[in-house]
Protein backbone atom coordinates (compact mmCIF):
# COMPACT_ATOMS: atom_id res chain seq x y z
CA MET A 1 78.99 107.91 79.46
CA SER A 2 75.41 109.15 79.43
CA THR A 3 73.51 109.77 82.65
CA VAL A 4 69.98 110.78 83.57
CA THR A 5 69.16 112.25 86.99
CA TYR A 6 65.75 112.48 88.70
CA SER A 7 64.07 112.20 92.11
CA ILE A 8 61.82 109.42 93.37
CA ARG A 9 59.49 108.94 96.34
CA PHE A 10 58.79 105.48 97.76
CA GLU A 11 57.69 103.51 100.81
CA PHE A 12 60.40 101.66 102.71
CA PRO A 13 59.23 98.86 105.03
CA VAL A 14 60.80 98.88 108.49
CA ASP A 15 60.22 95.30 109.69
CA ALA A 16 61.32 95.78 113.28
CA ALA A 17 58.75 98.53 113.78
CA ARG A 18 56.17 97.01 111.40
CA LEU A 19 55.66 100.27 109.57
CA ASN A 20 56.41 101.91 106.24
CA VAL A 21 58.46 105.08 106.03
CA ILE A 22 58.08 107.45 103.09
CA LEU A 23 61.48 108.37 101.65
CA GLU A 24 62.69 110.47 98.75
CA ALA A 25 66.01 110.03 96.96
CA ASP A 26 67.91 111.24 93.93
CA VAL A 27 68.62 108.70 91.18
CA GLN A 28 71.38 108.95 88.63
CA GLU A 29 71.07 106.40 85.83
CA HIS A 30 74.27 105.28 84.13
CA HIS A 31 73.76 103.91 80.62
CA SER A 32 77.18 102.41 79.92
CA GLU A 33 76.41 99.32 82.04
CA THR A 34 72.92 100.18 83.17
CA TYR A 35 73.01 100.72 86.91
CA TYR A 36 71.65 103.40 89.21
CA VAL A 37 73.36 105.48 91.88
CA VAL A 38 70.75 106.38 94.48
CA SER A 39 71.72 109.10 96.92
CA ASN A 40 70.40 111.84 99.18
CA PHE A 41 67.82 109.59 100.87
CA ARG A 42 65.60 111.87 102.91
CA MET A 43 62.26 111.99 104.69
CA PRO A 44 59.89 114.49 103.05
CA GLY A 45 59.37 117.54 105.25
CA HIS A 46 62.30 116.72 107.55
CA GLY A 47 65.06 118.82 106.00
CA THR A 48 67.65 117.86 103.43
CA ARG A 49 70.04 115.86 105.62
CA PRO A 50 70.49 112.37 104.09
CA THR A 51 69.14 109.53 106.24
CA LEU A 52 70.98 106.68 104.45
CA PRO A 53 74.26 106.39 102.54
CA PRO A 54 74.22 106.22 98.72
CA ILE A 55 73.71 102.84 97.05
CA LYS A 56 74.34 101.43 93.56
CA ILE A 57 71.72 99.04 92.20
CA ARG A 58 70.89 97.29 88.94
CA GLN A 59 68.02 95.18 87.68
CA GLU A 60 68.84 91.50 87.36
CA LYS A 61 65.97 89.53 85.84
CA GLU A 62 62.98 90.29 88.11
CA SER A 63 65.05 91.56 91.09
CA TRP A 64 66.81 94.77 91.99
CA VAL A 65 70.23 94.02 93.48
CA HIS A 66 73.19 95.94 94.87
CA THR A 67 76.00 96.13 92.31
CA ASP A 68 78.70 95.21 94.85
CA SER A 69 77.09 92.10 96.38
CA GLY A 70 74.60 91.04 93.70
CA GLN A 71 72.07 90.61 96.52
CA ALA A 72 68.56 92.05 96.78
CA THR A 73 67.49 93.86 99.96
CA ASP A 74 64.27 95.51 101.08
CA LEU A 75 65.86 98.87 100.19
CA SER A 76 67.04 97.87 96.70
CA SER A 77 63.63 96.32 95.98
CA ALA A 78 61.70 99.41 97.15
CA VAL A 79 63.94 101.78 95.19
CA GLY A 80 63.81 99.56 92.10
CA LYS A 81 60.00 99.52 92.16
CA ALA A 82 60.00 103.33 92.35
CA ILE A 83 62.38 103.51 89.38
CA GLU A 84 60.11 101.16 87.40
CA ALA A 85 57.02 103.21 88.30
CA ARG A 86 58.72 106.41 87.18
CA ALA A 87 59.74 104.78 83.89
CA LYS A 88 56.10 103.83 83.25
CA ASP A 89 54.91 107.37 84.08
CA SER A 90 57.49 109.16 81.90
CA PRO A 91 59.11 106.69 79.48
CA THR A 92 60.50 109.34 77.15
CA GLU A 93 62.69 110.85 79.89
CA LEU A 94 64.59 107.63 80.65
C-alpha cells in the first residue's frame, strides 16, 4: 500500500457563529482504494493540540464524503477542497 503525507490549511465554516475558522491538518493519502485520513486538526498559532478527531474521506463524483457513512459534511467538503487545491498547486507530489 502506497501512501503520501502532507499538510493542508483551509477555512471551516462555523454556521452557529456565522464565521470561518482557519484550520490546518495532516493528510495521508492511501492509494489502494483512494481515500484520505485527515488528522491533527489544529488552529494555526494555537499550539499542536488537535481540535477535532481524525476523519477518513474520499471523493465520490463531485462530493467529498466520509468513508464510513458515505455522507458529505461541511468538514469533509472543506477538507476535500483543500486537497484539490493542493493537487493543482503541486500535481507531481500526489
